[in-house]
């Protein structure tokens, strides 16, 4: 290798090392911060999805109670007490 290539490779290596050390101490844009941020973002999105599902379920329950329809009350009672009642037949479909 020529001297110029060695100097160029050393400069790139030195710059990369300086970049990693600098951003590690300043806590910006390093690999660890990026991975933690992406993991936290996935957790947040999953929790937000679960909260939205619960809100939709509560909205349907409130609508059922407001509408006062017998079949809606039956569904609500089945949701809270899933065991079959006396006289009900449960079909399991695979």
PDB file of N, CA and C in Angstrom:
ATOM      1  N   UNK A   1       0.825  -1.182   0.000  1.00  0.00           N
ATOM      2  CA  UNK A   1       0.000   0.000   0.000  1.00  0.00           C
ATOM      3  C   UNK A   1       0.872   1.249   0.000  1.00  0.00           C
ATOM      4  N   UNK A   2       0.339   2.209  -0.643  1.00  0.00           N
ATOM      5  CA  UNK A   2       1.091   3.460  -0.677  1.00  0.00           C
ATOM      6  C   UNK A   2       0.858   4.230   0.613  1.00  0.00           C
ATOM      7  N   UNK A   3       1.704   5.174   0.807  1.00  0.00           N
ATOM      8  CA  UNK A   3       1.638   6.018   2.017  1.00  0.00           C
ATOM      9  C   UNK A   3       0.331   6.798   2.058  1.00  0.00           C
ATOM     10  N   UNK A   4      -0.169   7.255   0.924  1.00  0.00           N
ATOM     11  CA  UNK A   4      -1.407   8.045   0.876  1.00  0.00           C
ATOM     12  C   UNK A   4      -2.604   7.194   1.313  1.00  0.00           C
ATOM     13  N   UNK A   5      -2.636   5.928   0.885  1.00  0.00           N
ATOM     14  CA  UNK A   5      -3.740   5.051   1.280  1.00  0.00           C
ATOM     15  C   UNK A   5      -3.713   4.796   2.781  1.00  0.00           C
ATOM     16  N   UNK A   6      -2.532   4.589   3.326  1.00  0.00           N
ATOM     17  CA  UNK A   6      -2.415   4.348   4.763  1.00  0.00           C
ATOM     18  C   UNK A   6      -2.889   5.567   5.559  1.00  0.00           C
ATOM     19  N   UNK A   7      -2.512   6.738   5.102  1.00  0.00           N
ATOM     20  CA  UNK A   7      -2.935   7.963   5.785  1.00  0.00           C
ATOM     21  C   UNK A   7      -4.443   8.117   5.678  1.00  0.00           C
ATOM     22  N   UNK A   8      -4.997   7.842   4.513  1.00  0.00           N
ATOM     23  CA  UNK A   8      -6.438   7.959   4.310  1.00  0.00           C
ATOM     24  C   UNK A   8      -7.201   6.984   5.208  1.00  0.00           C
ATOM     25  N   UNK A   9      -6.750   5.738   5.287  1.00  0.00           N
ATOM     26  CA  UNK A   9      -7.399   4.728   6.132  1.00  0.00           C
ATOM     27  C   UNK A   9      -7.281   5.130   7.603  1.00  0.00           C
ATOM     28  N   UNK A  10      -6.108   5.642   7.994  1.00  0.00           N
ATOM     29  CA  UNK A  10      -5.935   6.096   9.380  1.00  0.00           C
ATOM     30  C   UNK A  10      -6.843   7.267   9.699  1.00  0.00           C
ATOM     31  N   UNK A  11      -7.027   8.180   8.755  1.00  0.00           N
ATOM     32  CA  UNK A  11      -7.927   9.316   8.978  1.00  0.00           C
ATOM     33  C   UNK A  11      -9.378   8.853   9.139  1.00  0.00           C
ATOM     34  N   UNK A  12      -9.794   7.929   8.294  1.00  0.00           N
ATOM     35  CA  UNK A  12     -11.171   7.414   8.395  1.00  0.00           C
ATOM     36  C   UNK A  12     -11.362   6.692   9.729  1.00  0.00           C
ATOM     37  N   UNK A  13     -10.397   5.863  10.104  1.00  0.00           N
ATOM     38  CA  UNK A  13     -10.468   5.162  11.374  1.00  0.00           C
ATOM     39  C   UNK A  13     -10.485   6.147  12.541  1.00  0.00           C
ATOM     40  N   UNK A  14      -9.622   7.139  12.489  1.00  0.00           N
ATOM     41  CA  UNK A  14      -9.564   8.150  13.554  1.00  0.00           C
ATOM     42  C   UNK A  14     -10.847   8.956  13.639  1.00  0.00           C
ATOM     43  N   UNK A  15     -11.401   9.339  12.495  1.00  0.00           N
ATOM     44  CA  UNK A  15     -12.654  10.096  12.481  1.00  0.00           C
ATOM     45  C   UNK A  15     -13.791   9.256  13.056  1.00  0.00           C
ATOM     46  N   UNK A  16     -13.855   7.989  12.661  1.00  0.00           N
ATOM     47  CA  UNK A  16     -14.908   7.100  13.169  1.00  0.00           C
ATOM     48  C   UNK A  16     -14.781   6.935  14.683  1.00  0.00           C
ATOM     49  N   UNK A  17     -13.576   6.738  15.159  1.00  0.00           N
ATOM     50  CA  UNK A  17     -13.341   6.603  16.587  1.00  0.00           C
ATOM     51  C   UNK A  17     -13.717   7.884  17.327  1.00  0.00           C
ATOM     52  N   UNK A  18     -13.304   9.024  16.802  1.00  0.00           N
ATOM     53  CA  UNK A  18     -13.657  10.314  17.397  1.00  0.00           C
ATOM     54  C   UNK A  18     -15.168  10.516  17.413  1.00  0.00           C
ATOM     55  N   UNK A  19     -15.840  10.176  16.317  1.00  0.00           N
ATOM     56  CA  UNK A  19     -17.290  10.325  16.205  1.00  0.00           C
ATOM     57  C   UNK A  19     -18.006   9.480  17.264  1.00  0.00           C
ATOM     58  N   UNK A  20     -17.600   8.224  17.412  1.00  0.00           N
ATOM     59  CA  UNK A  20     -18.244   7.341  18.382  1.00  0.00           C
ATOM     60  C   UNK A  20     -18.007   7.800  19.815  1.00  0.00           C
ATOM     61  N   UNK A  21     -16.790   8.211  20.119  1.00  0.00           N
ATOM     62  CA  UNK A  21     -16.487   8.686  21.478  1.00  0.00           C
ATOM     63  C   UNK A  21     -17.228   9.980  21.768  1.00  0.00           C
ATOM     64  N   UNK A  22     -17.218  10.906  20.831  1.00  0.00           N
ATOM     65  CA  UNK A  22     -17.882  12.197  21.028  1.00  0.00           C
ATOM     66  C   UNK A  22     -19.369  12.010  21.271  1.00  0.00           C
ATOM     67  N   UNK A  23     -20.030  11.205  20.446  1.00  0.00           N
ATOM     68  CA  UNK A  23     -21.477  11.034  20.588  1.00  0.00           C
ATOM     69  C   UNK A  23     -21.850  10.123  21.747  1.00  0.00           C
ATOM     70  N   UNK A  24     -20.924   9.319  22.197  1.00  0.00           N
ATOM     71  CA  UNK A  24     -21.193   8.524  23.395  1.00  0.00           C
ATOM     72  C   UNK A  24     -21.252   9.426  24.621  1.00  0.00           C
ATOM     73  N   UNK A  25     -20.343  10.379  24.714  1.00  0.00           N
ATOM     74  CA  UNK A  25     -20.356  11.274  25.865  1.00  0.00           C
ATOM     75  C   UNK A  25     -21.447  12.337  25.760  1.00  0.00           C
ATOM     76  N   UNK A  26     -21.773  12.760  24.580  1.00  0.00           N
ATOM     77  CA  UNK A  26     -22.816  13.771  24.413  1.00  0.00           C
ATOM     78  C   UNK A  26     -24.210  13.167  24.274  1.00  0.00           C
ATOM     79  N   UNK A  27     -24.309  11.837  24.191  1.00  0.00           N
ATOM     80  CA  UNK A  27     -25.569  11.094  24.146  1.00  0.00           C
ATOM     81  C   UNK A  27     -26.455  11.524  22.984  1.00  0.00           C
ATOM     82  N   UNK A  28     -25.888  11.656  21.838  1.00  0.00           N
ATOM     83  CA  UNK A  28     -26.662  11.973  20.634  1.00  0.00           C
ATOM     84  C   UNK A  28     -26.277  11.009  19.523  1.00  0.00           C
ATOM     85  N   UNK A  29     -27.288  10.486  18.895  1.00  0.00           N
ATOM     86  CA  UNK A  29     -27.133   9.727  17.660  1.00  0.00           C
ATOM     87  C   UNK A  29     -26.096   8.607  17.717  1.00  0.00           C
ATOM     88  N   UNK A  30     -25.965   7.960  18.850  1.00  0.00           N
ATOM     89  CA  UNK A  30     -25.101   6.785  18.850  1.00  0.00           C
ATOM     90  C   UNK A  30     -25.969   5.549  18.670  1.00  0.00           C
ATOM     91  N   UNK A  31     -25.360   4.428  18.456  1.00  0.00           N
ATOM     92  CA  UNK A  31     -26.090   3.203  18.146  1.00  0.00           C
ATOM     93  C   UNK A  31     -26.970   2.782  19.313  1.00  0.00           C
ATOM     94  N   UNK A  32     -26.442   2.876  20.520  1.00  0.00           N
ATOM     95  CA  UNK A  32     -27.202   2.459  21.699  1.00  0.00           C
ATOM     96  C   UNK A  32     -28.456   3.318  21.866  1.00  0.00           C
ATOM     97  N   UNK A  33     -28.330   4.630  21.737  1.00  0.00           N
ATOM     98  CA  UNK A  33     -29.478   5.513  21.876  1.00  0.00           C
ATOM     99  C   UNK A  33     -30.507   5.229  20.786  1.00  0.00           C
ATOM    100  N   UNK A  34     -30.053   4.947  19.583  1.00  0.00           N
ATOM    101  CA  UNK A  34     -30.977   4.636  18.486  1.00  0.00           C
ATOM    102  C   UNK A  34     -31.759   3.362  18.775  1.00  0.00           C
ATOM    103  N   UNK A  35     -31.073   2.315  19.255  1.00  0.00           N
ATOM    104  CA  UNK A  35     -31.746   1.050  19.545  1.00  0.00           C
ATOM    105  C   UNK A  35     -32.727   1.189  20.699  1.00  0.00           C
ATOM    106  N   UNK A  36     -32.337   1.923  21.732  1.00  0.00           N
ATOM    107  CA  UNK A  36     -33.241   2.134  22.866  1.00  0.00           C
ATOM    108  C   UNK A  36     -34.453   2.932  22.413  1.00  0.00           C
ATOM    109  N   UNK A  37     -34.237   3.947  21.608  1.00  0.00           N
ATOM    110  CA  UNK A  37     -35.343   4.772  21.122  1.00  0.00           C
ATOM    111  C   UNK A  37     -36.310   3.943  20.282  1.00  0.00           C
ATOM    112  N   UNK A  38     -35.806   3.106  19.407  1.00  0.00           N
ATOM    113  CA  UNK A  38     -36.690   2.298  18.569  1.00  0.00           C
ATOM    114  C   UNK A  38     -37.460   1.289  19.408  1.00  0.00           C
ATOM    115  N   UNK A  39     -36.818   0.715  20.426  1.00  0.00           N
ATOM    116  CA  UNK A  39     -37.499  -0.236  21.306  1.00  0.00           C
ATOM    117  C   UNK A  39     -38.601   0.469  22.100  1.00  0.00           C
ATOM    118  N   UNK A  40     -38.301   1.650  22.641  1.00  0.00           N
ATOM    119  CA  UNK A  40     -39.304   2.403  23.394  1.00  0.00           C
ATOM    120  C   UNK A  40     -40.462   2.816  22.490  1.00  0.00           C
ATOM    121  N   UNK A  41     -40.158   3.147  21.254  1.00  0.00           N
ATOM    122  CA  UNK A  41     -41.209   3.529  20.316  1.00  0.00           C
ATOM    123  C   UNK A  41     -42.140   2.345  20.040  1.00  0.00           C
ATOM    124  N   UNK A  42     -41.582   1.153  19.871  1.00  0.00           N
ATOM    125  CA  UNK A  42     -42.407  -0.038  19.658  1.00  0.00           C
ATOM    126  C   UNK A  42     -43.287  -0.316  20.873  1.00  0.00           C
ATOM    127  N   UNK A  43     -42.712  -0.190  22.079  1.00  0.00           N
ATOM    128  CA  UNK A  43     -43.499  -0.392  23.292  1.00  0.00           C
ATOM    129  C   UNK A  43     -44.629   0.627  23.395  1.00  0.00           C
ATOM    130  N   UNK A  44     -44.328   1.886  23.104  1.00  0.00           N
ATOM    131  CA  UNK A  44     -45.335   2.936  23.165  1.00  0.00           C
ATOM    132  C   UNK A  44     -46.459   2.675  22.175  1.00  0.00           C
ATOM    133  N   UNK A  45     -46.109   2.289  20.949  1.00  0.00           N
ATOM    134  CA  UNK A  45     -47.144   2.036  19.946  1.00  0.00           C
ATOM    135  C   UNK A  45     -48.024   0.856  20.331  1.00  0.00           C
ATOM    136  N   UNK A  46     -47.436  -0.190  20.925  1.00  0.00           N
ATOM    137  CA  UNK A  46     -48.217  -1.348  21.365  1.00  0.00           C
ATOM    138  C   UNK A  46     -49.161  -0.970  22.498  1.00  0.00           C
ATOM    139  N   UNK A  47     -48.662  -0.205  23.475  1.00  0.00           N
ATOM    140  CA  UNK A  47     -49.518   0.241  24.576  1.00  0.00           C
ATOM    141  C   UNK A  47     -50.630   1.148  24.061  1.00  0.00           C
ATOM    142  N   UNK A  48     -50.312   2.022  23.116  1.00  0.00           N
ATOM    143  CA  UNK A  48     -51.322   2.914  22.548  1.00  0.00           C
ATOM    144  C   UNK A  48     -52.395   2.117  21.817  1.00  0.00           C
ATOM    145  N   UNK A  49     -52.006   1.063  21.114  1.00  0.00           N
ATOM    146  CA  UNK A  49     -52.976   0.223  20.413  1.00  0.00           C
ATOM    147  C   UNK A  49     -53.899  -0.481  21.399  1.00  0.00           C
ATOM    148  N   UNK A  50     -53.321  -1.000  22.487  1.00  0.00           N
ATOM    149  CA  UNK A  50     -54.132  -1.674  23.502  1.00  0.00           C
ATOM    150  C   UNK A  50     -55.101  -0.703  24.177  1.00  0.00           C
ATOM    151  N   UNK A  51     -54.637   0.504  24.442  1.00  0.00           N
ATOM    152  CA  UNK A  51     -55.514   1.515  25.047  1.00  0.00           C
ATOM    153  C   UNK A  51     -56.651   1.860  24.104  1.00  0.00           C
ATOM    154  N   UNK A  52     -56.359   2.000  22.821  1.00  0.00           N
ATOM    155  CA  UNK A  52     -57.408   2.308  21.850  1.00  0.00           C
ATOM    156  C   UNK A  52     -58.434   1.193  21.764  1.00  0.00           C
ATOM    157  N   UNK A  53     -57.978  -0.073  21.832  1.00  0.00           N
ATOM    158  CA  UNK A  53     -58.910  -1.199  21.820  1.00  0.00           C
ATOM    159  C   UNK A  53     -59.807  -1.178  23.054  1.00  0.00           C
ATOM    160  N   UNK A  54     -59.229  -0.877  24.215  1.00  0.00           N
ATOM    161  CA  UNK A  54     -60.026  -0.812  25.438  1.00  0.00           C
ATOM    162  C   UNK A  54     -61.037   0.326  25.374  1.00  0.00           C
ATOM    163  N   UNK A  55     -60.628   1.454  24.811  1.00  0.00           N
ATOM    164  CA  UNK A  55     -61.546   2.588  24.684  1.00  0.00           C
ATOM    165  C   UNK A  55     -62.705   2.225  23.762  1.00  0.00           C
ATOM    166  N   UNK A  56     -62.411   1.555  22.656  1.00  0.00           N
ATOM    167  CA  UNK A  56     -63.479   1.138  21.745  1.00  0.00           C
ATOM    168  C   UNK A  56     -64.420   0.159  22.433  1.00  0.00           C
ATOM    169  N   UNK A  57     -63.871  -0.745  23.228  1.00  0.00           N
ATOM    170  CA  UNK A  57     -64.701  -1.709  23.946  1.00  0.00           C
ATOM    171  C   UNK A  57     -65.604  -1.005  24.953  1.00  0.00           C
ATOM    172  N   UNK A  58     -65.061  -0.036  25.657  1.00  0.00           N
ATOM    173  CA  UNK A  58     -65.864   0.724  26.620  1.00  0.00           C
ATOM    174  C   UNK A  58     -66.946   1.515  25.901  1.00  0.00           C
ATOM    175  N   UNK A  59     -66.618   2.105  24.759  1.00  0.00           N
ATOM    176  CA  UNK A  59     -67.618   2.837  23.976  1.00  0.00           C
ATOM    177  C   UNK A  59     -68.766   1.927  23.559  1.00  0.00           C
ATOM    178  N   UNK A  60     -68.436   0.697  23.127  1.00  0.00           N
ATOM    179  CA  UNK A  60     -69.497  -0.236  22.731  1.00  0.00           C
ATOM    180  C   UNK A  60     -70.347  -0.633  23.935  1.00  0.00           C
ATOM    181  N   UNK A  61     -69.699  -0.826  25.086  1.00  0.00           N
ATOM    182  CA  UNK A  61     -70.445  -1.175  26.289  1.00  0.00           C
ATOM    183  C   UNK A  61     -71.386  -0.049  26.701  1.00  0.00           C
ATOM    184  N   UNK A  62     -70.899   1.181  26.650  1.00  0.00           N
ATOM    185  CA  UNK A  62     -71.748   2.324  26.997  1.00  0.00           C
ATOM    186  C   UNK A  62     -72.905   2.465  26.018  1.00  0.00           C
ATOM    187  N   UNK A  63     -72.629   2.248  24.744  1.00  0.00           N
ATOM    188  CA  UNK A  63     -73.700   2.309  23.751  1.00  0.00           C
ATOM    189  C   UNK A  63     -74.747   1.236  24.019  1.00  0.00           C
ATOM    190  N   UNK A  64     -74.288   0.044  24.376  1.00  0.00           N
ATOM    191  CA  UNK A  64     -75.221  -1.050  24.667  1.00  0.00           C
ATOM    192  C   UNK A  64     -76.089  -0.713  25.870  1.00  0.00           C
ATOM    193  N   UNK A  65     -75.510  -0.125  26.880  1.00  0.00           N
ATOM    194  CA  UNK A  65     -76.293   0.235  28.062  1.00  0.00           C
ATOM    195  C   UNK A  65     -77.250   1.382  27.752  1.00  0.00           C
ATOM    196  N   UNK A  66     -76.822   2.309  26.915  1.00  0.00           N
ATOM    197  CA  UNK A  66     -77.671   3.434  26.558  1.00  0.00           C
ATOM    198  C   UNK A  66     -78.829   2.979  25.671  1.00  0.00           C
ATOM    199  N   UNK A  67     -78.571   2.053  24.753  1.00  0.00           N
ATOM    200  CA  UNK A  67     -79.605   1.590  23.826  1.00  0.00           C
ATOM    201  C   UNK A  67     -80.622   0.686  24.527  1.00  0.00           C
ATOM    202  N   UNK A  68     -80.198   0.037  25.617  1.00  0.00           N
ATOM    203  CA  UNK A  68     -81.071  -0.840  26.399  1.00  0.00           C
ATOM    204  C   UNK A  68     -81.720  -1.935  25.566  1.00  0.00           C
ATOM    205  N   UNK A  69     -80.970  -2.528  24.685  1.00  0.00           N
ATOM    206  CA  UNK A  69     -81.465  -3.655  23.900  1.00  0.00           C
ATOM    207  C   UNK A  69     -81.072  -4.945  24.607  1.00  0.00           C
ATOM    208  N   UNK A  70     -81.960  -5.916  24.573  1.00  0.00           N
ATOM    209  CA  UNK A  70     -81.765  -7.151  25.316  1.00  0.00           C
ATOM    210  C   UNK A  70     -80.540  -7.927  24.831  1.00  0.00           C
ATOM    211  N   UNK A  71     -80.335  -8.009  23.504  1.00  0.00           N
ATOM    212  CA  UNK A  71     -79.199  -8.773  23.004  1.00  0.00           C
ATOM    213  C   UNK A  71     -77.873  -8.124  23.384  1.00  0.00           C
ATOM    214  N   UNK A  72     -77.840  -6.800  23.458  1.00  0.00           N
ATOM    215  CA  UNK A  72     -76.611  -6.127  23.862  1.00  0.00           C
ATOM    216  C   UNK A  72     -76.320  -6.379  25.333  1.00  0.00           C
ATOM    217  N   UNK A  73     -77.345  -6.370  26.168  1.00  0.00           N
ATOM    218  CA  UNK A  73     -77.139  -6.675  27.582  1.00  0.00           C
ATOM    219  C   UNK A  73     -76.672  -8.117  27.755  1.00  0.00           C
ATOM    220  N   UNK A  74     -77.196  -9.005  26.930  1.00  0.00           N
ATOM    221  CA  UNK A  74     -76.784 -10.404  26.976  1.00  0.00           C
ATOM    222  C   UNK A  74     -75.302 -10.539  26.622  1.00  0.00           C
ATOM    223  N   UNK A  75     -74.863  -9.821  25.602  1.00  0.00           N
ATOM    224  CA  UNK A  75     -73.447  -9.864  25.217  1.00  0.00           C
ATOM    225  C   UNK A  75     -72.552  -9.304  26.319  1.00  0.00           C
ATOM    226  N   UNK A  76     -73.008  -8.235  26.971  1.00  0.00           N
ATOM    227  CA  UNK A  76     -72.224  -7.673  28.069  1.00  0.00           C
ATOM    228  C   UNK A  76     -72.109  -8.653  29.226  1.00  0.00           C
ATOM    229  N   UNK A  77     -73.189  -9.311  29.545  1.00  0.00           N
ATOM    230  CA  UNK A  77     -73.134 -10.276  30.650  1.00  0.00           C
ATOM    231  C   UNK A  77     -72.242 -11.465  30.289  1.00  0.00           C
ATOM    232  N   UNK A  78     -72.244 -11.874  29.024  1.00  0.00           N
ATOM    233  CA  UNK A  78     -71.366 -12.970  28.595  1.00  0.00           C
ATOM    234  C   UNK A  78     -69.894 -12.543  28.646  1.00  0.00           C
ATOM    235  N   UNK A  79     -69.670 -11.275  28.405  1.00  0.00           N
ATOM    236  CA  UNK A  79     -68.299 -10.767  28.432  1.00  0.00           C
ATOM    237  C   UNK A  79     -67.747 -10.814  29.863  1.00  0.00           C
ATOM    238  N   UNK A  80     -68.589 -10.460  30.833  1.00  0.00           N
ATOM    239  CA  UNK A  80     -68.134 -10.430  32.217  1.00  0.00           C
ATOM    240  C   UNK A  80     -68.194 -11.805  32.879  1.00  0.00           C
ATOM    241  N   UNK A  81     -69.129 -12.646  32.447  1.00  0.00           N
ATOM    242  CA  UNK A  81     -69.267 -14.002  32.995  1.00  0.00           C
ATOM    243  C   UNK A  81     -69.275 -14.994  31.836  1.00  0.00           C
ATOM    244  N   UNK A  82     -68.095 -15.427  31.376  1.00  0.00           N
ATOM    245  CA  UNK A  82     -68.012 -16.243  30.158  1.00  0.00           C
ATOM    246  C   UNK A  82     -68.483 -17.689  30.300  1.00  0.00           C
ATOM    247  N   UNK A  83     -68.673 -18.178  31.526  1.00  0.00           N
ATOM    248  CA  UNK A  83     -69.124 -19.555  31.697  1.00  0.00           C
ATOM    249  C   UNK A  83     -70.549 -19.713  31.167  1.00  0.00           C
ATOM    250  N   UNK A  84     -70.861 -20.870  30.579  1.00  0.00           N
ATOM    251  CA  UNK A  84     -72.215 -21.066  30.054  1.00  0.00           C
ATOM    252  C   UNK A  84     -73.248 -21.088  31.187  1.00  0.00           C
ATOM    253  N   UNK A  85     -74.394 -20.489  30.904  1.00  0.00           N
ATOM    254  CA  UNK A  85     -75.475 -20.467  31.884  1.00  0.00           C
ATOM    255  C   UNK A  85     -76.294 -21.741  31.767  1.00  0.00           C
ATOM    256  N   UNK A  86     -77.150 -21.911  32.695  1.00  0.00           N
ATOM    257  CA  UNK A  86     -77.994 -23.092  32.736  1.00  0.00           C
ATOM    258  C   UNK A  86     -78.874 -23.137  31.482  1.00  0.00           C
ATOM    259  N   UNK A  87     -78.791 -24.231  30.727  1.00  0.00           N
ATOM    260  CA  UNK A  87     -79.591 -24.381  29.525  1.00  0.00           C
ATOM    261  C   UNK A  87     -78.885 -23.959  28.251  1.00  0.00           C
ATOM    262  N   UNK A  88     -77.691 -23.347  28.345  1.00  0.00           N
ATOM    263  CA  UNK A  88     -76.951 -22.924  27.149  1.00  0.00           C
ATOM    264  C   UNK A  88     -76.079 -24.062  26.651  1.00  0.00           C
ATOM    265  N   UNK A  89     -75.913 -24.124  25.357  1.00  0.00           N
ATOM    266  CA  UNK A  89     -75.039 -25.109  24.726  1.00  0.00           C
ATOM    267  C   UNK A  89     -73.864 -24.380  24.109  1.00  0.00           C
ATOM    268  N   UNK A  90     -72.663 -24.853  24.383  1.00  0.00           N
ATOM    269  CA  UNK A  90     -71.467 -24.225  23.843  1.00  0.00           C
ATOM    270  C   UNK A  90     -70.938 -25.096  22.718  1.00  0.00           C
ATOM    271  N   UNK A  91     -70.752 -24.495  21.541  1.00  0.00           N
ATOM    272  CA  UNK A  91     -70.184 -25.211  20.385  1.00  0.00           C
ATOM    273  C   UNK A  91     -68.753 -24.741  20.204  1.00  0.00           C
ATOM    274  N   UNK A  92     -67.841 -25.679  20.130  1.00  0.00           N
ATOM    275  CA  UNK A  92     -66.445 -25.346  19.890  1.00  0.00           C
ATOM    276  C   UNK A  92     -66.130 -25.644  18.445  1.00  0.00           C
ATOM    277  N   UNK A  93     -65.725 -24.615  17.723  1.00  0.00           N
ATOM    278  CA  UNK A  93     -65.407 -24.766  16.301  1.00  0.00           C
ATOM    279  C   UNK A  93     -63.902 -24.570  16.128  1.00  0.00           C
ATOM    280  N   UNK A  94     -63.272 -25.572  15.553  1.00  0.00           N
ATOM    281  CA  UNK A  94     -61.826 -25.477  15.328  1.00  0.00           C
ATOM    282  C   UNK A  94     -61.540 -25.078  13.906  1.00  0.00           C
TER     283      UNK A  94
END
